């Protein structure tokens, strides 16, 4: 079974400004991910720089087919 995490996030940048997302989905390995790992994942996946605080909100795990090819196949 493949799992995805569905969550809202609030990112504040150290040089000002911010970014928010609602019902954002990411493919994950396994059936759980902690907030710190998810924050790192979203920052890395979006290739963000100058990130200050990341807040993860309304996180839930769903069973759904992954939308991307694994990195080794992309």
PDB file of N, CA and C in Angstrom:
ATOM      1  N   UNK A   1       0.833  -1.178   0.000  1.00  0.00           N
ATOM      2  CA  UNK A   1       0.000   0.000   0.000  1.00  0.00           C
ATOM      3  C   UNK A   1       0.883   1.249   0.000  1.00  0.00           C
ATOM      4  N   UNK A   2       0.480   2.246  -0.742  1.00  0.00           N
ATOM      5  CA  UNK A   2       1.210   3.499  -0.791  1.00  0.00           C
ATOM      6  C   UNK A   2       0.486   4.531   0.059  1.00  0.00           C
ATOM      7  N   UNK A   3       1.266   5.397   0.689  1.00  0.00           N
ATOM      8  CA  UNK A   3       0.698   6.390   1.590  1.00  0.00           C
ATOM      9  C   UNK A   3       1.112   7.794   1.170  1.00  0.00           C
ATOM     10  N   UNK A   4       0.217   8.728   1.444  1.00  0.00           N
ATOM     11  CA  UNK A   4       0.490  10.145   1.221  1.00  0.00           C
ATOM     12  C   UNK A   4       0.080  10.891   2.480  1.00  0.00           C
ATOM     13  N   UNK A   5       0.728  11.995   2.726  1.00  0.00           N
ATOM     14  CA  UNK A   5       0.348  12.845   3.839  1.00  0.00           C
ATOM     15  C   UNK A   5      -0.365  14.064   3.264  1.00  0.00           C
ATOM     16  N   UNK A   6      -1.487  14.419   3.856  1.00  0.00           N
ATOM     17  CA  UNK A   6      -2.270  15.586   3.464  1.00  0.00           C
ATOM     18  C   UNK A   6      -2.206  16.547   4.649  1.00  0.00           C
ATOM     19  N   UNK A   7      -1.806  17.800   4.394  1.00  0.00           N
ATOM     20  CA  UNK A   7      -1.604  18.709   5.510  1.00  0.00           C
ATOM     21  C   UNK A   7      -1.688  20.160   5.056  1.00  0.00           C
ATOM     22  N   UNK A   8      -1.854  21.021   6.034  1.00  0.00           N
ATOM     23  CA  UNK A   8      -1.741  22.464   5.831  1.00  0.00           C
ATOM     24  C   UNK A   8      -0.385  22.865   6.396  1.00  0.00           C
ATOM     25  N   UNK A   9       0.203  23.919   5.858  1.00  0.00           N
ATOM     26  CA  UNK A   9       1.478  24.395   6.390  1.00  0.00           C
ATOM     27  C   UNK A   9       1.538  25.909   6.355  1.00  0.00           C
ATOM     28  N   UNK A  10       2.406  26.428   7.195  1.00  0.00           N
ATOM     29  CA  UNK A  10       2.646  27.859   7.296  1.00  0.00           C
ATOM     30  C   UNK A  10       4.159  28.032   7.433  1.00  0.00           C
ATOM     31  N   UNK A  11       4.782  28.642   6.446  1.00  0.00           N
ATOM     32  CA  UNK A  11       6.234  28.825   6.436  1.00  0.00           C
ATOM     33  C   UNK A  11       6.543  30.310   6.534  1.00  0.00           C
ATOM     34  N   UNK A  12       7.426  30.660   7.460  1.00  0.00           N
ATOM     35  CA  UNK A  12       7.897  32.037   7.591  1.00  0.00           C
ATOM     36  C   UNK A  12       9.359  32.076   7.167  1.00  0.00           C
ATOM     37  N   UNK A  13       9.715  33.060   6.376  1.00  0.00           N
ATOM     38  CA  UNK A  13      11.081  33.202   5.893  1.00  0.00           C
ATOM     39  C   UNK A  13      11.868  34.147   6.786  1.00  0.00           C
ATOM     40  N   UNK A  14      13.150  33.861   6.971  1.00  0.00           N
ATOM     41  CA  UNK A  14      13.985  34.671   7.853  1.00  0.00           C
ATOM     42  C   UNK A  14      14.241  36.064   7.289  1.00  0.00           C
ATOM     43  N   UNK A  15      14.041  36.247   5.996  1.00  0.00           N
ATOM     44  CA  UNK A  15      14.242  37.567   5.387  1.00  0.00           C
ATOM     45  C   UNK A  15      12.909  38.284   5.137  1.00  0.00           C
ATOM     46  N   UNK A  16      11.844  37.785   5.755  1.00  0.00           N
ATOM     47  CA  UNK A  16      10.516  38.388   5.626  1.00  0.00           C
ATOM     48  C   UNK A  16       9.610  37.583   4.717  1.00  0.00           C
ATOM     49  N   UNK A  17       8.329  37.752   4.880  1.00  0.00           N
ATOM     50  CA  UNK A  17       7.350  37.063   4.039  1.00  0.00           C
ATOM     51  C   UNK A  17       7.041  35.669   4.525  1.00  0.00           C
ATOM     52  N   UNK A  18       6.189  35.013   3.796  1.00  0.00           N
ATOM     53  CA  UNK A  18       5.788  33.678   4.174  1.00  0.00           C
ATOM     54  C   UNK A  18       5.053  32.973   3.045  1.00  0.00           C
ATOM     55  N   UNK A  19       4.737  31.731   3.293  1.00  0.00           N
ATOM     56  CA  UNK A  19       4.059  30.885   2.318  1.00  0.00           C
ATOM     57  C   UNK A  19       3.121  29.971   3.086  1.00  0.00           C
ATOM     58  N   UNK A  20       1.912  29.811   2.581  1.00  0.00           N
ATOM     59  CA  UNK A  20       0.946  28.922   3.206  1.00  0.00           C
ATOM     60  C   UNK A  20       0.422  27.935   2.176  1.00  0.00           C
ATOM     61  N   UNK A  21       0.049  26.776   2.642  1.00  0.00           N
ATOM     62  CA  UNK A  21      -0.561  25.783   1.774  1.00  0.00           C
ATOM     63  C   UNK A  21      -1.669  25.056   2.501  1.00  0.00           C
ATOM     64  N   UNK A  22      -2.719  24.696   1.783  1.00  0.00           N
ATOM     65  CA  UNK A  22      -3.832  23.952   2.350  1.00  0.00           C
ATOM     66  C   UNK A  22      -4.056  22.678   1.550  1.00  0.00           C
ATOM     67  N   UNK A  23      -4.320  21.618   2.264  1.00  0.00           N
ATOM     68  CA  UNK A  23      -4.549  20.293   1.660  1.00  0.00           C
ATOM     69  C   UNK A  23      -3.424  19.898   0.713  1.00  0.00           C
ATOM     70  N   UNK A  24      -2.201  20.246   1.069  1.00  0.00           N
ATOM     71  CA  UNK A  24      -1.018  19.888   0.293  1.00  0.00           C
ATOM     72  C   UNK A  24      -0.761  18.397   0.475  1.00  0.00           C
ATOM     73  N   UNK A  25      -0.356  17.708  -0.569  1.00  0.00           N
ATOM     74  CA  UNK A  25      -0.118  16.262  -0.506  1.00  0.00           C
ATOM     75  C   UNK A  25       1.300  15.944  -0.924  1.00  0.00           C
ATOM     76  N   UNK A  26       1.905  15.036  -0.173  1.00  0.00           N
ATOM     77  CA  UNK A  26       3.232  14.529  -0.507  1.00  0.00           C
ATOM     78  C   UNK A  26       3.249  13.020  -0.335  1.00  0.00           C
ATOM     79  N   UNK A  27       3.946  12.333  -1.224  1.00  0.00           N
ATOM     80  CA  UNK A  27       4.158  10.901  -1.092  1.00  0.00           C
ATOM     81  C   UNK A  27       5.107  10.665   0.068  1.00  0.00           C
ATOM     82  N   UNK A  28       4.838   9.634   0.861  1.00  0.00           N
ATOM     83  CA  UNK A  28       5.741   9.274   1.953  1.00  0.00           C
ATOM     84  C   UNK A  28       6.002   7.778   1.931  1.00  0.00           C
ATOM     85  N   UNK A  29       7.124   7.415   2.523  1.00  0.00           N
ATOM     86  CA  UNK A  29       7.447   6.006   2.735  1.00  0.00           C
ATOM     87  C   UNK A  29       6.823   5.596   4.056  1.00  0.00           C
ATOM     88  N   UNK A  30       6.156   4.485   4.090  1.00  0.00           N
ATOM     89  CA  UNK A  30       5.553   4.026   5.326  1.00  0.00           C
ATOM     90  C   UNK A  30       4.209   4.693   5.585  1.00  0.00           C
ATOM     91  N   UNK A  31       3.751   4.552   6.832  1.00  0.00           N
ATOM     92  CA  UNK A  31       2.411   5.049   7.153  1.00  0.00           C
ATOM     93  C   UNK A  31       2.420   6.135   8.230  1.00  0.00           C
ATOM     94  N   UNK A  32       3.575   6.789   8.433  1.00  0.00           N
ATOM     95  CA  UNK A  32       3.633   7.902   9.373  1.00  0.00           C
ATOM     96  C   UNK A  32       4.851   8.779   9.078  1.00  0.00           C
ATOM     97  N   UNK A  33       4.775  10.018   9.525  1.00  0.00           N
ATOM     98  CA  UNK A  33       5.889  10.958   9.411  1.00  0.00           C
ATOM     99  C   UNK A  33       5.685  12.012  10.498  1.00  0.00           C
ATOM    100  N   UNK A  34       6.745  12.327  11.238  1.00  0.00           N
ATOM    101  CA  UNK A  34       6.578  13.331  12.289  1.00  0.00           C
ATOM    102  C   UNK A  34       6.663  14.734  11.687  1.00  0.00           C
ATOM    103  N   UNK A  35       6.215  15.714  12.460  1.00  0.00           N
ATOM    104  CA  UNK A  35       6.123  17.087  11.948  1.00  0.00           C
ATOM    105  C   UNK A  35       7.473  17.655  11.535  1.00  0.00           C
ATOM    106  N   UNK A  36       8.529  17.367  12.299  1.00  0.00           N
ATOM    107  CA  UNK A  36       9.862  17.880  11.962  1.00  0.00           C
ATOM    108  C   UNK A  36      10.346  17.312  10.634  1.00  0.00           C
ATOM    109  N   UNK A  37      10.166  16.016  10.432  1.00  0.00           N
ATOM    110  CA  UNK A  37      10.568  15.390   9.168  1.00  0.00           C
ATOM    111  C   UNK A  37       9.728  15.924   8.010  1.00  0.00           C
ATOM    112  N   UNK A  38       8.439  16.138   8.243  1.00  0.00           N
ATOM    113  CA  UNK A  38       7.567  16.673   7.201  1.00  0.00           C
ATOM    114  C   UNK A  38       7.962  18.108   6.851  1.00  0.00           C
ATOM    115  N   UNK A  39       8.301  18.909   7.852  1.00  0.00           N
ATOM    116  CA  UNK A  39       8.753  20.287   7.598  1.00  0.00           C
ATOM    117  C   UNK A  39      10.020  20.276   6.738  1.00  0.00           C
ATOM    118  N   UNK A  40      10.978  19.410   7.071  1.00  0.00           N
ATOM    119  CA  UNK A  40      12.194  19.294   6.262  1.00  0.00           C
ATOM    120  C   UNK A  40      11.869  18.858   4.842  1.00  0.00           C
ATOM    121  N   UNK A  41      10.951  17.905   4.702  1.00  0.00           N
ATOM    122  CA  UNK A  41      10.555  17.375   3.401  1.00  0.00           C
ATOM    123  C   UNK A  41       9.945  18.470   2.522  1.00  0.00           C
ATOM    124  N   UNK A  42       9.030  19.263   3.063  1.00  0.00           N
ATOM    125  CA  UNK A  42       8.368  20.290   2.260  1.00  0.00           C
ATOM    126  C   UNK A  42       9.358  21.378   1.842  1.00  0.00           C
ATOM    127  N   UNK A  43      10.255  21.759   2.735  1.00  0.00           N
ATOM    128  CA  UNK A  43      11.270  22.769   2.408  1.00  0.00           C
ATOM    129  C   UNK A  43      12.176  22.249   1.297  1.00  0.00           C
ATOM    130  N   UNK A  44      12.611  20.998   1.419  1.00  0.00           N
ATOM    131  CA  UNK A  44      13.488  20.388   0.411  1.00  0.00           C
ATOM    132  C   UNK A  44      12.743  20.189  -0.912  1.00  0.00           C
ATOM    133  N   UNK A  45      11.496  19.703  -0.857  1.00  0.00           N
ATOM    134  CA  UNK A  45      10.725  19.419  -2.062  1.00  0.00           C
ATOM    135  C   UNK A  45      10.430  20.692  -2.857  1.00  0.00           C
ATOM    136  N   UNK A  46      10.182  21.799  -2.161  1.00  0.00           N
ATOM    137  CA  UNK A  46       9.907  23.071  -2.830  1.00  0.00           C
ATOM    138  C   UNK A  46      11.174  23.885  -3.083  1.00  0.00           C
ATOM    139  N   UNK A  47      12.316  23.354  -2.640  1.00  0.00           N
ATOM    140  CA  UNK A  47      13.620  24.007  -2.824  1.00  0.00           C
ATOM    141  C   UNK A  47      13.625  25.438  -2.274  1.00  0.00           C
ATOM    142  N   UNK A  48      13.137  25.573  -1.052  1.00  0.00           N
ATOM    143  CA  UNK A  48      13.032  26.880  -0.428  1.00  0.00           C
ATOM    144  C   UNK A  48      14.342  27.263   0.267  1.00  0.00           C
ATOM    145  N   UNK A  49      14.629  28.543   0.272  1.00  0.00           N
ATOM    146  CA  UNK A  49      15.808  29.087   0.948  1.00  0.00           C
ATOM    147  C   UNK A  49      15.353  30.083   2.009  1.00  0.00           C
ATOM    148  N   UNK A  50      16.221  30.386   2.931  1.00  0.00           N
ATOM    149  CA  UNK A  50      15.982  31.412   3.953  1.00  0.00           C
ATOM    150  C   UNK A  50      14.738  31.099   4.782  1.00  0.00           C
ATOM    151  N   UNK A  51      14.519  29.824   5.070  1.00  0.00           N
ATOM    152  CA  UNK A  51      13.348  29.409   5.835  1.00  0.00           C
ATOM    153  C   UNK A  51      13.618  29.599   7.321  1.00  0.00           C
ATOM    154  N   UNK A  52      12.675  30.249   7.974  1.00  0.00           N
ATOM    155  CA  UNK A  52      12.726  30.411   9.418  1.00  0.00           C
ATOM    156  C   UNK A  52      11.905  29.324  10.073  1.00  0.00           C
ATOM    157  N   UNK A  53      10.666  29.622  10.428  1.00  0.00           N
ATOM    158  CA  UNK A  53       9.783  28.682  11.103  1.00  0.00           C
ATOM    159  C   UNK A  53       8.852  27.986  10.108  1.00  0.00           C
ATOM    160  N   UNK A  54       8.621  26.702  10.344  1.00  0.00           N
ATOM    161  CA  UNK A  54       7.639  25.931   9.567  1.00  0.00           C
ATOM    162  C   UNK A  54       6.654  25.320  10.559  1.00  0.00           C
ATOM    163  N   UNK A  55       5.385  25.583  10.354  1.00  0.00           N
ATOM    164  CA  UNK A  55       4.335  24.980  11.180  1.00  0.00           C
ATOM    165  C   UNK A  55       3.516  24.035  10.309  1.00  0.00           C
ATOM    166  N   UNK A  56       3.315  22.839  10.822  1.00  0.00           N
ATOM    167  CA  UNK A  56       2.508  21.821  10.152  1.00  0.00           C
ATOM    168  C   UNK A  56       1.163  21.761  10.873  1.00  0.00           C
ATOM    169  N   UNK A  57       0.082  21.825  10.098  1.00  0.00           N
ATOM    170  CA  UNK A  57      -1.263  21.870  10.666  1.00  0.00           C
ATOM    171  C   UNK A  57      -2.146  20.814   9.999  1.00  0.00           C
ATOM    172  N   UNK A  58      -3.109  20.273  10.727  1.00  0.00           N
ATOM    173  CA  UNK A  58      -4.121  19.368  10.178  1.00  0.00           C
ATOM    174  C   UNK A  58      -3.531  18.224   9.354  1.00  0.00           C
ATOM    175  N   UNK A  59      -2.538  17.564   9.875  1.00  0.00           N
ATOM    176  CA  UNK A  59      -1.873  16.467   9.153  1.00  0.00           C
ATOM    177  C   UNK A  59      -2.686  15.185   9.273  1.00  0.00           C
ATOM    178  N   UNK A  60      -2.821  14.492   8.130  1.00  0.00           N
ATOM    179  CA  UNK A  60      -3.430  13.168   8.144  1.00  0.00           C
ATOM    180  C   UNK A  60      -2.788  12.319   7.058  1.00  0.00           C
ATOM    181  N   UNK A  61      -2.740  11.030   7.310  1.00  0.00           N
ATOM    182  CA  UNK A  61      -2.151  10.073   6.369  1.00  0.00           C
ATOM    183  C   UNK A  61      -3.295   9.380   5.638  1.00  0.00           C
ATOM    184  N   UNK A  62      -3.147   9.267   4.327  1.00  0.00           N
ATOM    185  CA  UNK A  62      -4.153   8.571   3.528  1.00  0.00           C
ATOM    186  C   UNK A  62      -3.477   7.482   2.695  1.00  0.00           C
ATOM    187  N   UNK A  63      -4.253   6.495   2.327  1.00  0.00           N
ATOM    188  CA  UNK A  63      -3.776   5.453   1.418  1.00  0.00           C
ATOM    189  C   UNK A  63      -4.195   5.885   0.023  1.00  0.00           C
ATOM    190  N   UNK A  64      -3.199   6.121  -0.817  1.00  0.00           N
ATOM    191  CA  UNK A  64      -3.448   6.607  -2.169  1.00  0.00           C
ATOM    192  C   UNK A  64      -2.193   6.335  -2.989  1.00  0.00           C
ATOM    193  N   UNK A  65      -2.357   6.022  -4.238  1.00  0.00           N
ATOM    194  CA  UNK A  65      -1.203   5.758  -5.101  1.00  0.00           C
ATOM    195  C   UNK A  65      -0.303   6.987  -5.179  1.00  0.00           C
ATOM    196  N   UNK A  66       0.991   6.746  -5.161  1.00  0.00           N
ATOM    197  CA  UNK A  66       1.952   7.830  -5.314  1.00  0.00           C
ATOM    198  C   UNK A  66       1.808   8.442  -6.702  1.00  0.00           C
ATOM    199  N   UNK A  67       2.049   9.741  -6.789  1.00  0.00           N
ATOM    200  CA  UNK A  67       1.878  10.467  -8.046  1.00  0.00           C
ATOM    201  C   UNK A  67       3.182  10.634  -8.811  1.00  0.00           C
ATOM    202  N   UNK A  68       4.308  10.446  -8.149  1.00  0.00           N
ATOM    203  CA  UNK A  68       5.614  10.596  -8.803  1.00  0.00           C
ATOM    204  C   UNK A  68       6.291   9.255  -8.966  1.00  0.00           C
ATOM    205  N   UNK A  69       7.180   9.206  -9.923  1.00  0.00           N
ATOM    206  CA  UNK A  69       8.051   8.034 -10.027  1.00  0.00           C
ATOM    207  C   UNK A  69       9.080   8.117  -8.919  1.00  0.00           C
ATOM    208  N   UNK A  70       9.524   6.986  -8.394  1.00  0.00           N
ATOM    209  CA  UNK A  70      10.619   7.022  -7.418  1.00  0.00           C
ATOM    210  C   UNK A  70      11.835   7.739  -8.011  1.00  0.00           C
ATOM    211  N   UNK A  71      12.639   8.352  -7.195  1.00  0.00           N
ATOM    212  CA  UNK A  71      13.787   9.152  -7.648  1.00  0.00           C
ATOM    213  C   UNK A  71      14.693   8.377  -8.593  1.00  0.00           C
ATOM    214  N   UNK A  72      14.878   7.101  -8.370  1.00  0.00           N
ATOM    215  CA  UNK A  72      15.769   6.299  -9.213  1.00  0.00           C
ATOM    216  C   UNK A  72      15.208   6.113 -10.632  1.00  0.00           C
ATOM    217  N   UNK A  73      13.873   6.313 -10.825  1.00  0.00           N
ATOM    218  CA  UNK A  73      13.251   6.129 -12.133  1.00  0.00           C
ATOM    219  C   UNK A  73      12.956   7.456 -12.838  1.00  0.00           C
ATOM    220  N   UNK A  74      13.008   8.565 -12.099  1.00  0.00           N
ATOM    221  CA  UNK A  74      12.646   9.874 -12.676  1.00  0.00           C
ATOM    222  C   UNK A  74      13.716  10.384 -13.600  1.00  0.00           C
TER     223      UNK A  74
END
